[in-house]
Amino acid sequence: MLEELNLQIGRSYLKLDLHRNLGGNPRAGIAPTRAGQVLIFSDPPSGTRFGYDENDAVVGAIYRYTGEGQVGDQTLIRGNKALLSGKDLLLFKRVDAKSWIFVGEVSLDSTPFETAIAPDREGNLRTVLVFRFIAKNANFGLLIEG
């Protein structure tokens, strides 16, 4: 599948080009595409004010990723629901304002998500969905590197 898309693990891509070629909402952190994949953009530091940095981390062979939704409890709608769709899940990590490194293809763990408490955009505590990804064809070391 990755060969068809010509994506290479560890290579940097412009987010604009990814969306131009595959589709999906360029403003979303979880973007289902017209090509049938779900693009996942990881940038915990920029999500601090939404509580996204509190639970996102590589823990053993699992990458924990906070779902979408900036205010109030997160629910299984839009991008969060798309992660459970069975489509190919492609994970990217921010490099700078426009560029993202392709970490690789991931799949959900046997426990696809858990819940946690984190602040929302307004500083109120809320329940967030923390998805549990395993590497299908990915290098989680890229998530740890500065």
N, C-alpha and C. Protein backbone atom coordinates (compact mmCIF):
# COMPACT_ATOMS: atom_id res chain seq x y z
N MET A 1 0.82 -1.19 0.00
CA MET A 1 0.00 0.00 0.00
C MET A 1 0.87 1.25 0.00
N LEU A 2 1.91 1.29 0.84
CA LEU A 2 2.76 2.47 0.90
C LEU A 2 3.47 2.70 -0.43
N GLU A 3 3.81 1.60 -1.12
CA GLU A 3 4.46 1.74 -2.41
C GLU A 3 3.55 2.47 -3.40
N GLU A 4 2.26 2.16 -3.37
CA GLU A 4 1.29 2.81 -4.26
C GLU A 4 1.23 4.31 -4.00
N LEU A 5 1.35 4.71 -2.74
CA LEU A 5 1.27 6.12 -2.38
C LEU A 5 2.62 6.82 -2.51
N ASN A 6 3.68 6.01 -2.67
CA ASN A 6 5.03 6.55 -2.79
C ASN A 6 5.47 7.31 -1.53
N LEU A 7 5.01 6.86 -0.37
CA LEU A 7 5.43 7.46 0.90
C LEU A 7 6.58 6.65 1.46
N GLN A 8 7.59 7.34 1.98
CA GLN A 8 8.75 6.67 2.53
C GLN A 8 8.90 7.05 4.00
N ILE A 9 9.04 6.04 4.85
CA ILE A 9 9.22 6.27 6.28
C ILE A 9 10.47 7.10 6.51
N GLY A 10 10.33 8.14 7.34
CA GLY A 10 11.45 9.02 7.65
C GLY A 10 11.59 10.21 6.72
N ARG A 11 10.84 10.21 5.63
CA ARG A 11 10.90 11.33 4.67
C ARG A 11 9.91 12.41 5.08
N SER A 12 10.27 13.65 4.81
CA SER A 12 9.43 14.80 5.14
C SER A 12 8.54 15.16 3.94
N TYR A 13 7.28 15.49 4.24
CA TYR A 13 6.31 15.87 3.21
C TYR A 13 5.62 17.17 3.61
N LEU A 14 5.25 17.95 2.62
CA LEU A 14 4.44 19.14 2.87
C LEU A 14 3.01 18.69 3.11
N LYS A 15 2.41 19.16 4.17
CA LYS A 15 1.03 18.77 4.49
C LYS A 15 0.09 19.16 3.35
N LEU A 16 0.33 20.31 2.76
CA LEU A 16 -0.48 20.77 1.63
C LEU A 16 -0.46 19.75 0.50
N ASP A 17 0.72 19.20 0.20
CA ASP A 17 0.83 18.20 -0.86
C ASP A 17 0.12 16.91 -0.50
N LEU A 18 0.24 16.49 0.76
CA LEU A 18 -0.46 15.27 1.18
C LEU A 18 -1.95 15.41 0.96
N HIS A 19 -2.51 16.54 1.37
CA HIS A 19 -3.96 16.74 1.20
C HIS A 19 -4.34 16.96 -0.26
N ARG A 20 -3.48 17.61 -1.01
CA ARG A 20 -3.76 17.82 -2.43
C ARG A 20 -3.83 16.47 -3.16
N ASN A 21 -2.93 15.56 -2.80
CA ASN A 21 -2.86 14.26 -3.48
C ASN A 21 -3.84 13.22 -2.95
N LEU A 22 -4.11 13.27 -1.64
CA LEU A 22 -4.93 12.23 -1.03
C LEU A 22 -6.31 12.71 -0.59
N GLY A 23 -6.44 14.01 -0.33
CA GLY A 23 -7.69 14.56 0.19
C GLY A 23 -7.64 14.67 1.70
N GLY A 24 -8.77 14.91 2.29
CA GLY A 24 -8.86 15.06 3.74
C GLY A 24 -8.80 16.51 4.15
N ASN A 25 -9.33 16.81 5.31
CA ASN A 25 -9.38 18.17 5.84
C ASN A 25 -7.98 18.61 6.29
N PRO A 26 -7.40 19.63 5.64
CA PRO A 26 -6.05 20.05 6.00
C PRO A 26 -5.93 20.70 7.37
N ARG A 27 -7.06 21.03 7.99
CA ARG A 27 -7.01 21.64 9.33
C ARG A 27 -7.21 20.62 10.44
N ALA A 28 -7.47 19.38 10.08
CA ALA A 28 -7.75 18.34 11.08
C ALA A 28 -6.49 17.56 11.44
N GLY A 29 -6.41 17.12 12.67
CA GLY A 29 -5.32 16.26 13.10
C GLY A 29 -5.54 14.82 12.71
N ILE A 30 -6.80 14.46 12.46
CA ILE A 30 -7.17 13.14 11.98
C ILE A 30 -8.00 13.38 10.72
N ALA A 31 -7.48 12.99 9.57
CA ALA A 31 -8.10 13.36 8.31
C ALA A 31 -8.37 12.15 7.41
N PRO A 32 -9.62 11.66 7.38
CA PRO A 32 -9.96 10.63 6.41
C PRO A 32 -9.81 11.21 5.00
N THR A 33 -9.30 10.41 4.07
CA THR A 33 -9.04 10.89 2.72
C THR A 33 -10.01 10.29 1.71
N ARG A 34 -10.09 10.92 0.56
CA ARG A 34 -10.91 10.38 -0.53
C ARG A 34 -10.25 9.13 -1.10
N ALA A 35 -8.93 8.99 -0.88
CA ALA A 35 -8.19 7.84 -1.39
C ALA A 35 -8.35 6.61 -0.49
N GLY A 36 -9.03 6.76 0.66
CA GLY A 36 -9.34 5.61 1.50
C GLY A 36 -8.43 5.38 2.69
N GLN A 37 -7.57 6.34 3.00
CA GLN A 37 -6.73 6.22 4.19
C GLN A 37 -7.21 7.24 5.23
N VAL A 38 -6.62 7.13 6.42
CA VAL A 38 -6.82 8.14 7.45
C VAL A 38 -5.43 8.68 7.80
N LEU A 39 -5.24 9.98 7.58
CA LEU A 39 -3.98 10.63 7.91
C LEU A 39 -4.05 11.09 9.36
N ILE A 40 -3.01 10.78 10.13
CA ILE A 40 -2.94 11.13 11.54
C ILE A 40 -1.72 12.02 11.73
N PHE A 41 -1.95 13.24 12.23
CA PHE A 41 -0.87 14.20 12.41
C PHE A 41 -0.61 14.39 13.90
N SER A 42 0.62 14.05 14.31
CA SER A 42 0.99 14.11 15.71
C SER A 42 1.88 15.32 15.97
N ASP A 43 1.45 16.15 16.90
CA ASP A 43 2.23 17.34 17.29
C ASP A 43 1.85 17.72 18.72
N PRO A 44 2.17 16.85 19.71
CA PRO A 44 1.77 17.13 21.09
C PRO A 44 2.14 18.52 21.61
N PRO A 45 3.35 19.07 21.32
CA PRO A 45 3.65 20.39 21.87
C PRO A 45 2.67 21.48 21.43
N SER A 46 2.21 21.43 20.18
CA SER A 46 1.29 22.47 19.72
C SER A 46 -0.11 22.27 20.30
N GLY A 47 -0.38 21.07 20.80
CA GLY A 47 -1.68 20.79 21.36
C GLY A 47 -1.77 20.95 22.86
N THR A 48 -0.75 21.56 23.46
CA THR A 48 -0.71 21.72 24.91
C THR A 48 -1.98 22.37 25.44
N ARG A 49 -2.45 23.43 24.79
CA ARG A 49 -3.63 24.13 25.31
C ARG A 49 -4.92 23.32 25.19
N PHE A 50 -4.86 22.20 24.45
CA PHE A 50 -6.03 21.31 24.33
C PHE A 50 -5.84 20.03 25.13
N GLY A 51 -4.74 19.94 25.89
CA GLY A 51 -4.47 18.75 26.69
C GLY A 51 -3.94 17.58 25.89
N TYR A 52 -3.55 17.82 24.62
CA TYR A 52 -3.09 16.73 23.76
C TYR A 52 -1.71 16.22 24.15
N ASP A 53 -0.94 17.01 24.87
CA ASP A 53 0.42 16.59 25.20
C ASP A 53 0.48 15.74 26.46
N GLU A 54 -0.59 15.66 27.21
CA GLU A 54 -0.56 14.99 28.51
C GLU A 54 -0.51 13.47 28.43
N ASN A 55 -1.04 12.91 27.36
CA ASN A 55 -1.13 11.46 27.25
C ASN A 55 -0.41 10.88 26.04
N ASP A 56 0.04 11.73 25.13
CA ASP A 56 0.68 11.25 23.90
C ASP A 56 2.13 10.86 24.18
N ALA A 57 2.45 9.60 23.92
CA ALA A 57 3.81 9.11 24.16
C ALA A 57 3.95 7.70 23.61
N VAL A 58 5.18 7.35 23.32
CA VAL A 58 5.49 5.97 22.98
C VAL A 58 5.75 5.25 24.29
N VAL A 59 4.97 4.21 24.55
CA VAL A 59 5.10 3.41 25.77
C VAL A 59 5.28 1.96 25.34
N GLY A 60 6.53 1.49 25.42
CA GLY A 60 6.83 0.15 24.92
C GLY A 60 6.61 0.12 23.41
N ALA A 61 5.77 -0.79 22.95
CA ALA A 61 5.48 -0.91 21.51
C ALA A 61 4.20 -0.19 21.11
N ILE A 62 3.65 0.62 22.01
CA ILE A 62 2.39 1.32 21.77
C ILE A 62 2.64 2.82 21.65
N TYR A 63 2.02 3.45 20.64
CA TYR A 63 2.01 4.91 20.58
C TYR A 63 0.63 5.37 21.03
N ARG A 64 0.60 6.13 22.11
CA ARG A 64 -0.65 6.66 22.67
C ARG A 64 -0.89 8.04 22.07
N TYR A 65 -2.07 8.23 21.48
CA TYR A 65 -2.40 9.44 20.72
C TYR A 65 -3.78 9.94 21.12
N THR A 66 -3.83 11.18 21.59
CA THR A 66 -5.11 11.77 22.00
C THR A 66 -5.95 12.11 20.79
N GLY A 67 -7.21 11.73 20.83
CA GLY A 67 -8.14 11.98 19.74
C GLY A 67 -8.46 13.45 19.54
N GLU A 68 -9.41 13.71 18.62
CA GLU A 68 -9.74 15.09 18.30
C GLU A 68 -10.93 15.59 19.11
N GLY A 69 -10.97 16.90 19.25
CA GLY A 69 -12.01 17.58 20.01
C GLY A 69 -11.34 18.47 21.03
N GLN A 70 -11.53 19.79 20.90
CA GLN A 70 -10.80 20.74 21.71
C GLN A 70 -11.55 21.22 22.95
N VAL A 71 -12.88 21.08 22.96
CA VAL A 71 -13.68 21.55 24.08
C VAL A 71 -14.65 20.46 24.50
N GLY A 72 -14.73 20.21 25.79
CA GLY A 72 -15.65 19.20 26.30
C GLY A 72 -15.12 17.79 26.08
N ASP A 73 -15.92 16.83 26.54
CA ASP A 73 -15.52 15.43 26.41
C ASP A 73 -15.41 15.03 24.94
N GLN A 74 -14.40 14.23 24.63
CA GLN A 74 -14.26 13.71 23.28
C GLN A 74 -15.19 12.52 23.11
N THR A 75 -15.73 12.38 21.90
CA THR A 75 -16.63 11.27 21.59
C THR A 75 -16.18 10.61 20.29
N LEU A 76 -16.78 9.48 19.99
CA LEU A 76 -16.43 8.73 18.78
C LEU A 76 -17.20 9.26 17.57
N ILE A 77 -16.86 10.48 17.17
CA ILE A 77 -17.42 11.08 15.96
C ILE A 77 -16.27 11.58 15.09
N ARG A 78 -16.57 11.95 13.87
CA ARG A 78 -15.62 12.50 12.90
C ARG A 78 -14.32 11.70 12.86
N GLY A 79 -13.19 12.38 13.08
CA GLY A 79 -11.89 11.71 12.97
C GLY A 79 -11.72 10.57 13.95
N ASN A 80 -12.22 10.75 15.17
CA ASN A 80 -12.10 9.68 16.17
C ASN A 80 -12.80 8.41 15.67
N LYS A 81 -13.97 8.56 15.08
CA LYS A 81 -14.71 7.42 14.54
C LYS A 81 -13.96 6.83 13.34
N ALA A 82 -13.35 7.69 12.53
CA ALA A 82 -12.61 7.22 11.35
C ALA A 82 -11.45 6.30 11.73
N LEU A 83 -10.84 6.54 12.90
CA LEU A 83 -9.74 5.68 13.33
C LEU A 83 -10.19 4.24 13.55
N LEU A 84 -11.47 4.06 13.81
CA LEU A 84 -12.03 2.72 14.06
C LEU A 84 -12.61 2.09 12.80
N SER A 85 -12.46 2.76 11.65
CA SER A 85 -13.14 2.36 10.41
C SER A 85 -12.51 1.17 9.71
N GLY A 86 -11.30 0.76 10.10
CA GLY A 86 -10.63 -0.33 9.41
C GLY A 86 -9.82 0.14 8.21
N LYS A 87 -9.81 1.44 7.94
CA LYS A 87 -9.01 1.97 6.84
C LYS A 87 -7.54 2.00 7.23
N ASP A 88 -6.68 2.16 6.22
CA ASP A 88 -5.25 2.28 6.48
C ASP A 88 -4.98 3.55 7.25
N LEU A 89 -4.19 3.45 8.32
CA LEU A 89 -3.88 4.57 9.19
C LEU A 89 -2.42 4.99 8.98
N LEU A 90 -2.22 6.23 8.52
CA LEU A 90 -0.90 6.74 8.18
C LEU A 90 -0.52 7.84 9.15
N LEU A 91 0.59 7.65 9.87
CA LEU A 91 0.99 8.54 10.95
C LEU A 91 2.14 9.46 10.53
N PHE A 92 1.98 10.75 10.86
CA PHE A 92 2.97 11.77 10.55
C PHE A 92 3.31 12.56 11.82
N LYS A 93 4.56 13.06 11.90
CA LYS A 93 5.00 13.89 13.01
C LYS A 93 5.46 15.24 12.46
N ARG A 94 5.06 16.32 13.14
CA ARG A 94 5.41 17.67 12.68
C ARG A 94 6.91 17.90 12.69
N VAL A 95 7.37 18.55 11.62
CA VAL A 95 8.75 19.00 11.52
C VAL A 95 8.78 20.51 11.75
N ASP A 96 7.92 21.22 11.03
CA ASP A 96 7.82 22.68 11.15
C ASP A 96 6.41 23.08 10.72
N ALA A 97 6.19 24.34 10.45
CA ALA A 97 4.84 24.84 10.16
C ALA A 97 4.18 24.16 8.96
N LYS A 98 4.97 23.66 8.02
CA LYS A 98 4.39 23.08 6.80
C LYS A 98 4.76 21.63 6.55
N SER A 99 5.83 21.15 7.19
CA SER A 99 6.38 19.83 6.87
C SER A 99 6.11 18.80 7.96
N TRP A 100 5.93 17.57 7.51
CA TRP A 100 5.64 16.46 8.41
C TRP A 100 6.44 15.24 7.98
N ILE A 101 7.06 14.56 8.94
CA ILE A 101 7.79 13.31 8.68
C ILE A 101 6.79 12.16 8.69
N PHE A 102 6.93 11.29 7.69
CA PHE A 102 6.09 10.10 7.66
C PHE A 102 6.68 9.06 8.60
N VAL A 103 5.94 8.75 9.66
CA VAL A 103 6.35 7.76 10.66
C VAL A 103 6.04 6.35 10.15
N GLY A 104 4.94 6.21 9.41
CA GLY A 104 4.59 4.93 8.82
C GLY A 104 3.14 4.56 9.03
N GLU A 105 2.84 3.33 8.67
CA GLU A 105 1.49 2.81 8.79
C GLU A 105 1.32 2.15 10.15
N VAL A 106 0.22 2.46 10.81
CA VAL A 106 -0.07 1.91 12.13
C VAL A 106 -1.41 1.21 12.10
N SER A 107 -1.65 0.43 13.14
CA SER A 107 -2.98 -0.16 13.34
C SER A 107 -3.31 -0.03 14.82
N LEU A 108 -4.56 -0.23 15.12
CA LEU A 108 -5.00 -0.14 16.51
C LEU A 108 -4.62 -1.40 17.28
N ASP A 109 -4.25 -1.22 18.52
CA ASP A 109 -3.96 -2.30 19.43
C ASP A 109 -5.26 -3.08 19.69
N SER A 110 -5.16 -4.23 20.33
CA SER A 110 -6.37 -5.01 20.65
C SER A 110 -7.29 -4.23 21.58
N THR A 111 -6.74 -3.34 22.39
CA THR A 111 -7.52 -2.34 23.13
C THR A 111 -7.35 -1.05 22.35
N PRO A 112 -8.29 -0.68 21.47
CA PRO A 112 -8.08 0.43 20.54
C PRO A 112 -7.91 1.80 21.18
N PHE A 113 -8.57 1.99 22.31
CA PHE A 113 -8.41 3.28 22.99
C PHE A 113 -8.76 3.12 24.45
N GLU A 114 -8.31 4.11 25.22
CA GLU A 114 -8.68 4.20 26.64
C GLU A 114 -9.10 5.65 26.86
N THR A 115 -9.61 5.93 28.01
CA THR A 115 -9.98 7.31 28.32
C THR A 115 -9.04 7.86 29.38
N ALA A 116 -8.89 9.17 29.35
CA ALA A 116 -8.05 9.86 30.33
C ALA A 116 -8.68 11.22 30.61
N ILE A 117 -8.18 11.89 31.60
CA ILE A 117 -8.64 13.24 31.93
C ILE A 117 -7.56 14.23 31.50
N ALA A 118 -7.97 15.28 30.80
CA ALA A 118 -7.03 16.32 30.35
C ALA A 118 -7.80 17.62 30.21
N PRO A 119 -7.10 18.75 30.26
CA PRO A 119 -7.80 20.03 30.10
C PRO A 119 -8.24 20.25 28.65
N ASP A 120 -9.30 21.02 28.49
CA ASP A 120 -9.71 21.41 27.15
C ASP A 120 -9.19 22.81 26.85
N ARG A 121 -9.57 23.35 25.72
CA ARG A 121 -9.10 24.66 25.29
C ARG A 121 -9.41 25.76 26.29
N GLU A 122 -10.48 25.57 27.05
CA GLU A 122 -10.90 26.57 28.03
C GLU A 122 -10.35 26.30 29.43
N GLY A 123 -9.52 25.25 29.55
CA GLY A 123 -8.91 24.93 30.84
C GLY A 123 -9.75 24.04 31.72
N ASN A 124 -10.91 23.62 31.25
CA ASN A 124 -11.78 22.73 32.02
C ASN A 124 -11.34 21.28 31.82
N LEU A 125 -11.38 20.49 32.89
CA LEU A 125 -11.05 19.08 32.77
C LEU A 125 -12.16 18.36 32.02
N ARG A 126 -11.73 17.42 31.19
CA ARG A 126 -12.70 16.65 30.39
C ARG A 126 -12.14 15.27 30.12
N THR A 127 -12.97 14.39 29.59
CA THR A 127 -12.54 13.05 29.22
C THR A 127 -12.06 13.08 27.77
N VAL A 128 -10.86 12.54 27.55
CA VAL A 128 -10.33 12.44 26.20
C VAL A 128 -10.17 10.96 25.83
N LEU A 129 -10.16 10.71 24.54
CA LEU A 129 -9.92 9.37 24.02
C LEU A 129 -8.43 9.27 23.68
N VAL A 130 -7.77 8.27 24.21
CA VAL A 130 -6.35 8.07 23.93
C VAL A 130 -6.24 6.77 23.13
N PHE A 131 -6.00 6.92 21.83
CA PHE A 131 -5.91 5.77 20.94
C PHE A 131 -4.57 5.08 21.13
N ARG A 132 -4.58 3.77 20.94
CA ARG A 132 -3.39 2.94 21.16
C ARG A 132 -2.99 2.31 19.82
N PHE A 133 -1.91 2.85 19.24
CA PHE A 133 -1.44 2.37 17.95
C PHE A 133 -0.24 1.46 18.11
N ILE A 134 -0.20 0.45 17.26
CA ILE A 134 0.98 -0.39 17.13
C ILE A 134 1.53 -0.19 15.73
N ALA A 135 2.83 -0.40 15.58
CA ALA A 135 3.46 -0.22 14.27
C ALA A 135 3.10 -1.39 13.37
N LYS A 136 2.54 -1.07 12.22
CA LYS A 136 2.29 -2.08 11.20
C LYS A 136 3.50 -2.09 10.27
N ASN A 137 3.86 -0.91 9.82
CA ASN A 137 5.06 -0.68 9.03
C ASN A 137 5.49 0.74 9.36
N ALA A 138 6.03 0.92 10.57
CA ALA A 138 6.32 2.27 11.06
C ALA A 138 7.56 2.25 11.94
N ASN A 139 8.13 3.43 12.13
CA ASN A 139 9.28 3.61 13.00
C ASN A 139 8.91 4.57 14.10
N PHE A 140 8.50 4.06 15.27
CA PHE A 140 8.10 4.92 16.39
C PHE A 140 9.28 5.71 16.95
N GLY A 141 10.50 5.30 16.64
CA GLY A 141 11.66 6.05 17.05
C GLY A 141 11.63 7.48 16.51
N LEU A 142 11.01 7.69 15.36
CA LEU A 142 10.88 9.02 14.78
C LEU A 142 10.04 9.95 15.65
N LEU A 143 9.12 9.37 16.43
CA LEU A 143 8.27 10.16 17.32
C LEU A 143 9.05 10.66 18.54
N ILE A 144 10.07 9.92 18.91
CA ILE A 144 10.84 10.23 20.10
C ILE A 144 11.96 11.24 19.79
N GLU A 145 12.49 11.16 18.59
CA GLU A 145 13.58 12.06 18.19
C GLU A 145 13.13 13.50 18.22
N GLY A 146 14.01 14.39 18.67
CA GLY A 146 13.72 15.81 18.74
C GLY A 146 13.61 16.41 17.41
